[in-house]
Amino acid sequence: MSTTVRAQKAPDTRGPIRKLLTSFGFQILAALVLGIAAGLIGRQLGATADNPNGLSATLDTIGSSYVTLLRAAVVPLIFTAIVASISNLRRVQNAARLAGQTLLWFAITAFIAVTIGIVLGLVIQPGARAGEGLTPGEPYTVGTWWNFLLGLIPQNFLGLSVSTSPGVADGTFSSSVNFNILQVIVVAVAVGIAALKAGKKAEPFLAFTESLLKVIQRVLWWIIRIAPLGTFGLIGAAVIKYGWEKLAALGWFAIAIYTGLALVLFVVYPILVKTHGLSIKQYFSGVWPAVQLAFVSRSSIGTLPLTERVTERNLGVPRSYASFAVPFGATTKMDGCAAIYPAIAAIFVAQFFGIELNFVQYLLIVLVSVVGSAATAGTTGAVVMLTLTLSTLGLPLEGVGLLLAIDPILDMGRTAVNVAGQALVPTIVAKREGILDEALYNAPREGLPFADDDADDETDAAASAPAPEPAGTR
């Protein structure tokens, strides 16, 4: 496998105060604190989900606008990233072995995560401790294995659909455009494999796709740079909308979920890192920018460019492999949404309705979590995965409605764990295969964020250019 020479970062001449203020992590944390404060002020002024005021409306607009920006880039990003990642396999030695190892470690970590979820569900008993006043409700979307398989069949090239609904107040009709992310993935995988099979004739198309991916990623960098502003709006709006009352009713469920997420992120992942002879401190310092953005955006796909960047530049995974493994993981590697959450939530629903689960049903929870991760497909929320699990176990789907009230609060932690795992597995596989740049992994995390974008691109172009032929060889 060829290695890429990275551009040297310019020395950081900022003072300590300026360095702190320009730190992406500090900006995110500051936005979290300010957002919570603004949300509490809004609640003190009487704002609620049903009775908004000017402050709550402003916070909601800021937060929803940021999420809209991320969603706008999802379809082109997924399509180009998957096509480019599959095409990049032609440049990787032992590509089939690397892909197999990646899938294997996805399954291993998912199995560990879902086992932790089952144990916590049985020990904490969140369904038996549910607060008063909870009433079952209908889920707004239902996942079944049959619908999942049918959903893989593309309706059109990009899986787009248009839905029209009448307005309740004035009777006017409004239309919205949606996309089925699974269909986008299927189309992208088919196009990527076809391009590989086409050989040299597909090189111009692959070059265009990789260039388009670069452009889309650059636009996403601009969106990521304003993440602190989006954080401020999202957290402030969440505090006003959900408050602490609904958390109190589902307090033990939330405790079980976040305990499981913390065990995976701060115990299981560090053990895997240490087992492979790597520094735990360097792993967390390298992956943390992506984890922070995932916590706020609640989207593995929206965080994908940053996840790929930290996996390559901070954790030392070769770009030729990372450009395959990270996009692949962003659509299938969901330890939070597809393992911990559905396991605990399914046990919660069973306990709430007084249903005893048998050993076979617990095995089914494990099977669904390990095999069905693609049902979440990197988008915000895991309701489809939960309904898929409940329908497989034969549990009442009305139980999903019990948990929807605090789903966004839980989804932040779930997505953060998802992204941490999406960077961890390529690092582990690269280490096991002897292709990890350990000097880069252990390097200090210094330099201005995004300052070396252009230099890095120029260096990569120079590194990939063919060497000049010696004189007289023609």
Protein backbone atom coordinates (compact mmCIF):
# COMPACT_ATOMS: atom_id res chain seq x y z
CA MET A 1 0.00 0.00 0.00
CA SER A 2 1.34 3.41 -0.91
CA THR A 3 1.69 6.00 1.80
CA THR A 4 0.78 9.63 1.54
CA VAL A 5 3.14 12.32 2.76
CA ARG A 6 1.31 14.86 4.86
CA ALA A 7 1.99 18.55 4.64
CA GLN A 8 3.80 20.04 7.62
CA LYS A 9 1.51 22.18 9.72
CA ALA A 10 2.45 25.80 10.18
CA PRO A 11 3.68 26.53 13.71
CA ASP A 12 0.95 27.65 16.06
CA THR A 13 1.87 31.17 17.23
CA ARG A 14 -1.40 31.91 19.02
CA GLY A 15 -1.39 32.94 22.65
CA PRO A 16 -3.07 30.69 25.25
CA ILE A 17 -6.27 32.76 25.40
CA ARG A 18 -6.65 32.98 21.63
CA LYS A 19 -5.81 29.29 21.31
CA LEU A 20 -8.61 28.47 23.75
CA LEU A 21 -11.15 30.75 22.08
CA THR A 22 -10.41 29.38 18.60
CA SER A 23 -10.49 25.77 19.77
CA PHE A 24 -13.36 23.90 18.10
CA GLY A 25 -13.93 21.84 21.24
CA PHE A 26 -14.10 24.93 23.47
CA GLN A 27 -16.53 26.61 21.08
CA ILE A 28 -18.83 23.58 21.15
CA LEU A 29 -18.73 23.34 24.95
CA ALA A 30 -19.32 27.08 25.31
CA ALA A 31 -22.29 26.83 22.93
CA LEU A 32 -23.70 23.94 25.00
CA VAL A 33 -23.51 25.98 28.21
CA LEU A 34 -24.96 29.11 26.59
CA GLY A 35 -27.70 27.07 24.91
CA ILE A 36 -28.76 25.48 28.20
CA ALA A 37 -28.76 28.90 29.85
CA ALA A 38 -30.86 30.38 27.04
CA GLY A 39 -33.29 27.45 27.26
CA LEU A 40 -33.69 27.87 31.02
CA ILE A 41 -34.29 31.60 30.55
CA GLY A 42 -36.91 30.80 27.91
CA ARG A 43 -38.70 28.43 30.29
CA GLN A 44 -38.61 31.05 33.03
CA LEU A 45 -40.29 33.44 30.60
CA GLY A 46 -43.08 30.92 30.13
CA ALA A 47 -42.05 29.29 26.85
CA THR A 48 -43.10 25.69 26.26
CA ALA A 49 -43.45 23.38 23.29
CA ASP A 50 -47.13 24.36 22.96
CA ASN A 51 -46.69 28.03 23.90
CA PRO A 52 -43.52 29.40 22.23
CA ASN A 53 -42.24 32.93 22.64
CA GLY A 54 -39.75 35.02 20.71
CA LEU A 55 -36.69 33.47 22.36
CA SER A 56 -37.85 29.88 21.88
CA ALA A 57 -38.79 30.58 18.26
CA THR A 58 -35.36 32.09 17.60
CA LEU A 59 -33.52 29.18 19.18
CA ASP A 60 -35.65 26.67 17.28
CA THR A 61 -35.04 28.49 13.98
CA ILE A 62 -31.27 28.57 14.54
CA GLY A 63 -31.13 24.88 15.45
CA SER A 64 -33.47 23.62 12.74
CA SER A 65 -31.72 25.73 10.09
CA TYR A 66 -28.40 24.14 10.97
CA VAL A 67 -29.87 20.63 10.77
CA THR A 68 -31.46 21.56 7.42
CA LEU A 69 -28.04 22.57 6.10
CA LEU A 70 -26.61 19.22 7.13
CA ARG A 71 -29.51 17.29 5.63
CA ALA A 72 -29.21 19.17 2.33
CA ALA A 73 -25.78 17.63 1.79
CA VAL A 74 -26.71 14.09 2.85
CA VAL A 75 -27.76 12.59 -0.50
CA PRO A 76 -24.85 13.88 -2.64
CA LEU A 77 -22.41 13.12 0.18
CA ILE A 78 -23.58 9.53 0.64
CA PHE A 79 -23.68 8.82 -3.09
CA THR A 80 -20.24 10.25 -3.90
CA ALA A 81 -18.62 8.94 -0.69
CA ILE A 82 -19.76 5.36 -1.24
CA VAL A 83 -18.92 5.31 -4.96
CA ALA A 84 -15.50 6.83 -4.22
CA SER A 85 -14.88 4.48 -1.28
CA ILE A 86 -15.64 1.39 -3.37
CA SER A 87 -13.50 2.67 -6.24
CA ASN A 88 -10.64 3.35 -3.82
CA LEU A 89 -10.45 -0.36 -3.12
CA ARG A 90 -8.72 -0.76 -6.48
CA ARG A 91 -5.74 1.08 -4.98
CA VAL A 92 -5.57 -1.00 -1.81
CA GLN A 93 -3.59 -4.19 -1.43
CA ASN A 94 -5.57 -7.05 0.15
CA ALA A 95 -8.78 -5.04 -0.32
CA ALA A 96 -11.02 -8.07 0.23
CA ARG A 97 -9.20 -8.94 3.45
CA LEU A 98 -9.50 -5.37 4.75
CA ALA A 99 -13.21 -5.27 3.92
CA GLY A 100 -13.76 -8.61 5.66
CA GLN A 101 -11.83 -7.50 8.75
CA THR A 102 -13.86 -4.28 8.87
CA LEU A 103 -17.16 -6.17 8.75
CA LEU A 104 -15.94 -8.64 11.38
CA TRP A 105 -15.01 -5.89 13.85
CA PHE A 106 -18.26 -4.07 13.17
CA ALA A 107 -20.05 -7.25 14.23
CA ILE A 108 -17.80 -7.88 17.26
CA THR A 109 -18.28 -4.41 18.73
CA ALA A 110 -22.03 -4.50 17.99
CA PHE A 111 -22.28 -7.84 19.81
CA ILE A 112 -20.49 -6.41 22.86
CA ALA A 113 -22.69 -3.29 22.83
CA VAL A 114 -26.00 -5.18 22.57
CA THR A 115 -24.91 -7.57 25.34
CA ILE A 116 -24.25 -4.59 27.61
CA GLY A 117 -27.67 -3.20 26.69
CA ILE A 118 -29.44 -6.46 27.60
CA VAL A 119 -27.61 -6.75 30.94
CA LEU A 120 -28.45 -3.14 31.87
CA GLY A 121 -32.08 -3.62 30.89
CA LEU A 122 -32.35 -6.65 33.18
CA VAL A 123 -30.45 -5.06 36.08
CA ILE A 124 -31.92 -1.53 36.07
CA GLN A 125 -35.48 -2.64 35.14
CA PRO A 126 -36.40 0.70 33.48
CA GLY A 127 -39.85 -0.47 32.35
CA ALA A 128 -40.86 -1.56 35.83
CA ARG A 129 -39.71 1.81 37.24
CA ALA A 130 -41.42 3.98 34.63
CA GLY A 131 -42.90 7.19 35.98
CA GLU A 132 -46.58 7.91 36.30
CA GLY A 133 -48.64 9.33 33.48
CA LEU A 134 -47.03 7.44 30.59
CA THR A 135 -49.51 6.40 27.92
CA PRO A 136 -48.75 4.23 24.90
CA GLY A 137 -48.82 5.92 21.53
CA GLU A 138 -48.54 4.95 17.89
CA PRO A 139 -45.05 5.17 16.36
CA TYR A 140 -44.80 7.56 13.44
CA THR A 141 -42.89 4.97 11.45
CA VAL A 142 -42.74 1.19 11.65
CA GLY A 143 -39.89 -1.09 10.67
CA THR A 144 -40.37 -4.72 9.69
CA TRP A 145 -38.00 -7.11 7.95
CA TRP A 146 -40.33 -7.24 4.95
CA ASN A 147 -40.53 -3.45 4.68
CA PHE A 148 -36.78 -3.27 5.18
CA LEU A 149 -36.17 -5.62 2.24
CA LEU A 150 -38.72 -3.81 0.05
CA GLY A 151 -37.11 -0.52 0.98
CA LEU A 152 -33.85 -1.68 -0.59
CA ILE A 153 -35.44 -1.59 -4.06
CA PRO A 154 -34.79 1.91 -5.50
CA GLN A 155 -37.87 3.76 -6.70
CA ASN A 156 -35.67 6.07 -8.75
CA PHE A 157 -32.01 6.93 -9.20
CA LEU A 158 -31.65 8.75 -5.85
CA GLY A 159 -34.49 7.18 -3.88
CA LEU A 160 -36.43 10.45 -3.84
CA SER A 161 -40.15 10.67 -3.13
CA VAL A 162 -42.67 13.50 -2.92
CA SER A 163 -45.48 13.49 -0.35
CA THR A 164 -48.45 15.85 -0.42
CA SER A 165 -50.73 16.52 2.53
CA PRO A 166 -53.66 18.92 3.08
CA GLY A 167 -53.37 21.69 5.64
CA VAL A 168 -55.58 21.30 8.71
CA ALA A 169 -56.49 24.98 9.04
CA ASP A 170 -57.05 26.29 5.52
CA GLY A 171 -57.32 23.12 3.43
CA THR A 172 -54.38 24.04 1.20
CA PHE A 173 -51.99 21.31 0.08
CA SER A 174 -48.29 21.27 0.86
CA SER A 175 -45.65 19.01 -0.67
CA SER A 176 -42.32 17.85 0.68
CA VAL A 177 -39.45 15.95 -0.91
CA ASN A 178 -37.97 13.04 1.07
CA PHE A 179 -35.35 10.45 0.32
CA ASN A 180 -34.89 6.82 1.33
CA ILE A 181 -31.31 6.63 2.53
CA LEU A 182 -31.18 2.84 2.09
CA GLN A 183 -32.08 3.20 -1.57
CA VAL A 184 -29.37 5.82 -2.02
CA ILE A 185 -26.86 3.39 -0.51
CA VAL A 186 -28.01 0.55 -2.76
CA VAL A 187 -27.73 2.72 -5.88
CA ALA A 188 -24.31 4.01 -4.84
CA VAL A 189 -22.98 0.51 -4.12
CA ALA A 190 -24.26 -0.76 -7.49
CA VAL A 191 -22.72 2.19 -9.36
CA GLY A 192 -19.40 1.80 -7.50
CA ILE A 193 -19.14 -1.93 -8.24
CA ALA A 194 -20.14 -1.37 -11.88
CA ALA A 195 -17.46 1.31 -12.22
CA LEU A 196 -14.86 -1.11 -10.86
CA LYS A 197 -15.97 -3.80 -13.32
CA ALA A 198 -15.86 -1.32 -16.22
CA GLY A 199 -12.13 -0.85 -15.72
CA LYS A 200 -10.22 1.90 -17.52
CA LYS A 201 -13.29 3.19 -19.34
CA ALA A 202 -14.76 4.23 -15.99
CA GLU A 203 -11.68 6.18 -14.88
CA PRO A 204 -13.05 9.59 -16.02
CA PHE A 205 -16.29 8.94 -14.13
CA LEU A 206 -14.43 7.90 -10.98
CA ALA A 207 -12.16 10.94 -11.22
CA PHE A 208 -15.23 13.18 -11.55
CA THR A 209 -16.92 11.48 -8.57
CA GLU A 210 -13.85 11.95 -6.38
CA SER A 211 -13.62 15.61 -7.42
CA LEU A 212 -17.31 16.12 -6.69
CA LEU A 213 -16.84 14.49 -3.28
CA LYS A 214 -14.03 16.97 -2.54
CA VAL A 215 -16.33 19.87 -3.43
CA ILE A 216 -19.19 18.53 -1.28
CA GLN A 217 -16.84 17.95 1.63
CA ARG A 218 -15.51 21.49 1.36
CA VAL A 219 -19.08 22.83 1.56
CA LEU A 220 -19.65 20.63 4.59
CA TRP A 221 -16.52 22.05 6.22
CA TRP A 222 -18.14 25.47 6.00
CA ILE A 223 -21.25 24.05 7.66
CA ILE A 224 -19.16 22.34 10.34
CA ARG A 225 -17.38 25.58 11.14
CA ILE A 226 -20.69 27.11 12.26
CA ALA A 227 -21.53 24.07 14.39
CA PRO A 228 -21.21 26.09 17.63
CA LEU A 229 -24.03 28.35 16.42
CA GLY A 230 -26.17 25.32 15.58
CA THR A 231 -25.32 23.81 18.96
CA PHE A 232 -26.55 26.92 20.74
CA GLY A 233 -29.92 26.78 18.98
CA LEU A 234 -30.43 23.02 19.20
CA ILE A 235 -29.64 22.69 22.91
CA GLY A 236 -31.60 25.81 23.86
CA ALA A 237 -34.66 24.64 21.92
CA ALA A 238 -34.41 21.14 23.43
CA VAL A 239 -34.36 22.50 26.99
CA ILE A 240 -37.48 24.58 26.29
CA LYS A 241 -39.31 21.82 24.44
CA TYR A 242 -38.58 18.87 26.71
CA GLY A 243 -37.52 20.39 30.01
CA TRP A 244 -36.91 18.08 32.93
CA GLU A 245 -40.47 16.85 33.50
CA LYS A 246 -40.48 14.29 30.70
CA LEU A 247 -37.01 13.14 31.66
CA ALA A 248 -38.29 12.50 35.18
CA ALA A 249 -41.06 10.20 33.91
CA LEU A 250 -38.51 8.19 31.91
CA GLY A 251 -35.57 8.86 34.20
CA TRP A 252 -34.51 5.24 34.74
CA PHE A 253 -34.75 4.54 31.01
CA ALA A 254 -32.52 7.53 30.23
CA ILE A 255 -30.09 6.45 32.98
CA ALA A 256 -29.93 2.93 31.50
CA ILE A 257 -29.27 4.24 27.99
CA TYR A 258 -26.56 6.69 28.98
CA THR A 259 -24.96 4.15 31.32
CA GLY A 260 -24.70 1.73 28.40
CA LEU A 261 -23.34 4.42 26.09
CA ALA A 262 -20.76 5.45 28.70
CA LEU A 263 -19.65 1.84 29.24
CA VAL A 264 -19.10 1.31 25.52
CA LEU A 265 -17.39 4.66 24.91
CA PHE A 266 -15.25 4.86 28.05
CA VAL A 267 -14.67 1.19 28.91
CA VAL A 268 -15.10 -1.12 25.90
CA TYR A 269 -13.45 1.13 23.31
CA PRO A 270 -10.44 1.97 25.53
CA ILE A 271 -9.95 -1.75 26.27
CA LEU A 272 -9.91 -2.49 22.53
CA VAL A 273 -7.50 0.38 21.93
CA LYS A 274 -5.15 -0.77 24.71
CA THR A 275 -5.39 -4.41 23.64
CA HIS A 276 -4.00 -3.41 20.26
CA GLY A 277 -1.05 -1.59 21.80
CA LEU A 278 -2.31 1.94 21.19
CA SER A 279 -2.61 4.96 23.47
CA ILE A 280 -6.08 5.54 24.91
CA LYS A 281 -5.34 9.24 25.43
CA GLN A 282 -4.32 9.66 21.79
CA TYR A 283 -7.45 7.88 20.59
CA PHE A 284 -9.78 10.16 22.53
CA SER A 285 -7.88 13.35 21.70
CA GLY A 286 -7.91 12.34 18.05
CA VAL A 287 -11.56 11.34 17.73
CA TRP A 288 -13.09 13.89 20.11
CA PRO A 289 -13.82 16.66 17.54
CA ALA A 290 -16.03 14.24 15.57
CA VAL A 291 -17.69 12.93 18.75
CA GLN A 292 -18.59 16.48 19.78
CA LEU A 293 -20.13 17.31 16.42
CA ALA A 294 -22.04 14.01 16.38
CA PHE A 295 -23.46 14.74 19.83
CA VAL A 296 -24.84 18.05 18.61
CA SER A 297 -25.92 17.20 15.05
CA ARG A 298 -27.38 13.75 15.87
CA SER A 299 -26.29 12.55 12.41
CA SER A 300 -23.49 10.11 11.59
CA ILE A 301 -23.74 11.10 7.93
CA GLY A 302 -23.57 14.82 8.74
CA THR A 303 -20.44 14.15 10.79
CA LEU A 304 -18.90 11.88 8.12
CA PRO A 305 -16.38 14.39 6.66
CA LEU A 306 -15.03 15.24 10.11
CA THR A 307 -14.97 11.56 11.15
CA GLU A 308 -12.97 10.68 8.05
CA ARG A 309 -10.61 13.61 8.64
CA VAL A 310 -9.78 12.68 12.25
CA THR A 311 -9.47 9.01 11.32
CA GLU A 312 -6.86 9.85 8.69
CA ARG A 313 -5.03 12.81 10.19
CA ASN A 314 -5.27 12.14 13.92
CA LEU A 315 -5.49 8.36 14.14
CA GLY A 316 -3.12 7.59 11.26
CA VAL A 317 -5.35 5.35 9.12
CA PRO A 318 -4.24 5.45 5.45
CA ARG A 319 -6.57 7.51 3.30
CA SER A 320 -6.98 4.73 0.73
CA TYR A 321 -8.49 2.50 3.45
CA ALA A 322 -10.21 5.18 5.56
CA SER A 323 -12.06 6.51 2.52
CA PHE A 324 -13.73 3.11 2.29
CA ALA A 325 -14.14 2.13 5.93
CA VAL A 326 -15.44 5.40 7.40
CA PRO A 327 -18.27 6.03 4.86
CA PHE A 328 -19.16 2.35 5.09
CA GLY A 329 -19.27 2.62 8.87
CA ALA A 330 -21.36 5.82 8.77
CA THR A 331 -24.16 3.84 7.14
CA THR A 332 -23.84 0.49 8.97
CA LYS A 333 -21.82 0.92 12.20
CA MET A 334 -24.32 1.95 14.91
CA ASP A 335 -23.35 0.69 18.38
CA GLY A 336 -25.52 3.39 19.98
CA CYS A 337 -28.61 3.45 17.74
CA ALA A 338 -28.68 -0.17 16.61
CA ALA A 339 -27.29 -2.08 19.61
CA ILE A 340 -27.55 -0.44 23.03
CA TYR A 341 -30.75 1.52 22.42
CA PRO A 342 -33.00 -1.15 20.83
CA ALA A 343 -31.87 -3.73 23.42
CA ILE A 344 -32.73 -1.57 26.44
CA ALA A 345 -35.84 -0.10 24.75
CA ALA A 346 -37.23 -3.54 23.85
CA ILE A 347 -36.73 -4.74 27.42
CA PHE A 348 -38.36 -1.51 28.67
CA VAL A 349 -41.45 -2.10 26.51
CA ALA A 350 -41.70 -5.72 27.62
CA GLN A 351 -41.45 -4.74 31.29
CA PHE A 352 -43.93 -1.87 30.92
CA PHE A 353 -46.57 -4.16 29.40
CA GLY A 354 -45.77 -7.02 31.80
CA ILE A 355 -44.43 -9.38 29.11
CA GLU A 356 -41.79 -11.98 30.05
CA LEU A 357 -39.06 -12.42 27.45
CA ASN A 358 -37.53 -15.85 26.96
CA PHE A 359 -33.99 -16.85 26.06
CA VAL A 360 -34.78 -17.12 22.35
CA GLN A 361 -36.13 -13.57 22.29
CA TYR A 362 -32.95 -12.25 23.89
CA LEU A 363 -30.98 -14.05 21.17
CA LEU A 364 -33.22 -12.37 18.60
CA ILE A 365 -32.36 -8.96 20.08
CA VAL A 366 -28.69 -9.78 19.55
CA LEU A 367 -29.30 -11.03 16.01
CA VAL A 368 -31.34 -7.97 14.99
CA SER A 369 -28.75 -5.60 16.45
CA VAL A 370 -25.78 -7.25 14.74
CA VAL A 371 -27.45 -7.85 11.37
CA GLY A 372 -29.98 -5.02 11.10
CA SER A 373 -27.76 -1.98 11.69
CA ALA A 374 -28.30 -0.76 8.13
CA ALA A 375 -31.91 0.03 9.04
CA THR A 376 -30.69 3.15 10.87
CA ALA A 377 -28.59 4.21 7.87
CA GLY A 378 -26.76 7.07 9.55
CA THR A 379 -29.73 9.42 9.83
CA THR A 380 -31.03 11.03 12.99
CA GLY A 381 -33.14 8.84 15.22
CA ALA A 382 -33.41 5.07 15.71
CA VAL A 383 -37.19 4.57 15.76
CA VAL A 384 -37.12 2.35 12.67
CA MET A 385 -34.52 0.10 14.30
CA LEU A 386 -36.60 -0.09 17.49
CA THR A 387 -39.82 -0.97 15.66
CA LEU A 388 -37.87 -3.55 13.66
CA THR A 389 -36.72 -5.12 16.93
CA LEU A 390 -40.17 -5.00 18.54
CA SER A 391 -41.88 -6.51 15.49
CA THR A 392 -39.30 -9.32 15.40
CA LEU A 393 -39.94 -10.08 19.09
CA GLY A 394 -43.70 -9.75 18.76
CA LEU A 395 -43.87 -6.89 21.29
CA PRO A 396 -46.53 -4.13 21.07
CA LEU A 397 -45.43 -1.33 18.74
CA GLU A 398 -47.50 1.11 20.79
CA GLY A 399 -44.64 1.06 23.27
CA VAL A 400 -42.54 3.15 20.89
CA GLY A 401 -44.81 6.09 21.63
CA LEU A 402 -43.74 5.95 25.28
CA LEU A 403 -40.16 6.80 24.38
CA LEU A 404 -40.57 9.40 21.63
CA ALA A 405 -40.76 12.32 24.08
CA ILE A 406 -37.09 12.11 25.06
CA ASP A 407 -35.72 10.48 21.91
CA PRO A 408 -33.77 13.58 20.76
CA ILE A 409 -32.03 13.80 24.14
CA LEU A 410 -31.00 10.15 23.91
CA ASP A 411 -30.11 10.42 20.24
CA MET A 412 -27.29 12.85 20.98
CA GLY A 413 -25.45 10.29 23.10
CA ARG A 414 -26.26 7.43 20.73
CA THR A 415 -24.82 9.24 17.72
CA ALA A 416 -21.66 10.23 19.60
CA VAL A 417 -20.99 6.56 20.38
CA ASN A 418 -21.79 5.60 16.77
CA VAL A 419 -19.16 7.99 15.43
CA ALA A 420 -16.54 6.99 18.00
CA GLY A 421 -16.96 3.39 16.85
CA GLN A 422 -16.85 4.36 13.18
CA ALA A 423 -13.36 5.79 13.75
CA LEU A 424 -12.24 3.03 16.12
CA VAL A 425 -12.76 0.01 13.87
CA PRO A 426 -10.66 1.29 10.91
CA THR A 427 -7.92 2.17 13.42
CA ILE A 428 -7.95 -1.32 14.91
CA VAL A 429 -8.01 -3.02 11.51
CA ALA A 430 -5.19 -0.80 10.21
CA LYS A 431 -3.11 -1.65 13.28
CA ARG A 432 -3.74 -5.39 12.91
CA GLU A 433 -2.84 -5.26 9.21
CA GLY A 434 0.36 -3.27 9.84
CA ILE A 435 -0.70 -0.21 7.82
CA LEU A 436 -1.39 2.23 10.67
CA ASP A 437 0.84 5.32 10.77
CA GLU A 438 1.68 5.11 14.47
CA ALA A 439 3.90 8.19 14.35
CA LEU A 440 0.89 10.21 13.20
CA TYR A 441 -1.34 8.47 15.77
CA ASN A 442 1.00 9.45 18.60
CA ALA A 443 1.74 12.96 17.31
CA PRO A 444 0.65 16.00 19.38
CA ARG A 445 -2.76 17.42 18.46
CA GLU A 446 -1.56 20.85 17.41
CA GLY A 447 -2.12 23.38 14.66
CA LEU A 448 -4.99 25.58 13.61
CA PRO A 449 -8.18 23.70 12.68
CA PHE A 450 -8.64 23.42 8.90
CA ALA A 451 -5.57 25.63 8.31
CA ASP A 452 -3.76 23.01 6.24
CA ASP A 453 -6.65 22.08 3.93
CA ASP A 454 -5.15 23.53 0.78
CA ALA A 455 -1.60 22.45 1.58
CA ASP A 456 -2.79 18.94 2.31
CA ASP A 457 -4.69 18.73 -0.97
CA GLU A 458 -1.66 19.97 -2.92
CA THR A 459 0.61 17.49 -1.16
CA ASP A 460 -1.77 14.60 -1.89
CA ALA A 461 -1.93 15.61 -5.54
CA ALA A 462 1.84 15.75 -5.75
CA ALA A 463 2.18 12.40 -4.00
CA SER A 464 -0.27 10.72 -6.37
CA ALA A 465 1.26 12.19 -9.54
CA PRO A 466 3.42 9.80 -11.59
CA ALA A 467 7.15 10.22 -11.22
CA PRO A 468 8.95 11.78 -14.24
CA GLU A 469 10.65 9.34 -16.54
CA PRO A 470 14.46 9.46 -16.64
CA ALA A 471 15.95 11.16 -19.70
CA GLY A 472 16.56 8.91 -22.66
CA THR A 473 13.98 6.27 -21.80
CA ARG A 474 11.66 7.04 -24.69
